[in-house]
Protein backbone atom coordinates (compact mmCIF):
# COMPACT_ATOMS: atom_id res chain seq x y z
CA UNK A 1 90.55 188.26 19.66
CA UNK A 2 89.78 184.80 20.92
CA UNK A 3 90.57 181.61 19.07
CA UNK A 4 87.93 178.89 19.20
CA UNK A 5 89.01 175.38 20.13
CA UNK A 6 87.23 173.33 17.47
CA UNK A 7 88.56 170.02 18.78
CA UNK A 8 86.80 170.54 22.09
CA UNK A 9 83.59 171.57 20.30
CA UNK A 10 83.63 168.47 18.08
CA UNK A 11 84.42 166.09 20.97
CA UNK A 12 81.69 167.71 23.06
CA UNK A 13 79.19 167.23 20.24
CA UNK A 14 80.15 163.59 19.82
CA UNK A 15 79.87 162.98 23.57
CA UNK A 16 76.43 164.62 23.62
CA UNK A 17 75.19 162.40 20.78
CA UNK A 18 76.65 159.31 22.51
CA UNK A 19 74.92 160.20 25.80
CA UNK A 20 71.55 160.51 24.05
CA UNK A 21 72.16 157.31 22.08
CA UNK A 22 73.13 155.40 25.23
CA UNK A 23 69.96 156.55 27.01
CA UNK A 24 67.72 155.58 24.10
CA UNK A 25 69.48 152.22 23.67
CA UNK A 26 69.07 151.38 27.34
CA UNK A 27 65.38 152.33 27.27
CA UNK A 28 64.90 149.40 24.92
CA UNK A 29 66.67 147.04 27.28
CA UNK A 30 64.90 148.20 30.46
CA UNK A 31 61.78 146.01 30.09
CA UNK A 32 64.00 142.91 30.10
CA UNK A 33 65.69 143.92 33.36
CA UNK A 34 64.81 142.54 36.78
CA UNK A 35 64.62 146.08 38.20
CA UNK A 36 63.90 148.52 35.35
CA UNK A 37 63.47 151.52 37.65
CA UNK A 38 66.92 151.17 39.21
CA UNK A 39 68.45 150.53 35.80
CA UNK A 40 66.95 153.69 34.32
CA UNK A 41 67.97 155.75 37.37
CA UNK A 42 71.57 154.67 36.86
CA UNK A 43 71.41 155.18 33.10
CA UNK A 44 69.86 158.61 33.56
CA UNK A 45 72.57 159.65 35.99
CA UNK A 46 75.36 158.50 33.70
CA UNK A 47 73.78 160.08 30.62
CA UNK A 48 73.20 163.32 32.50
CA UNK A 49 76.80 163.56 33.68
CA UNK A 50 78.19 162.80 30.22
CA UNK A 51 75.75 165.27 28.66
CA UNK A 52 76.77 167.99 31.13
CA UNK A 53 80.46 167.39 30.43
CA UNK A 54 79.71 167.58 26.71
CA UNK A 55 77.86 170.89 27.05
CA UNK A 56 80.71 172.34 29.11
CA UNK A 57 83.26 171.23 26.51
CA UNK A 58 81.21 172.85 23.75
CA UNK A 59 80.88 176.05 25.78
CA UNK A 60 84.56 176.31 26.63
CA UNK A 61 85.52 175.43 23.07
CA UNK A 62 83.34 178.18 21.63
CA UNK A 63 84.58 180.77 24.13
CA UNK A 64 88.15 179.91 23.22
CA UNK A 65 91.32 181.43 24.57
CA UNK A 66 93.20 184.64 24.06
CA UNK A 67 95.71 184.68 21.22
């Protein structure tokens, strides 16, 4: 039997929501930027990395470890 790591699942979920929120927040600020394309490329990269880490944390937390 495997025991799920609920702390990792919860932290992964919070990180995923924060990544989406950061991307949406920065979309509102992009028109005010001098170079909106470069800004959104950087924001997309950061949000993508944080989102991928969040999904991996959720996955590993749900798989769990042997008891």
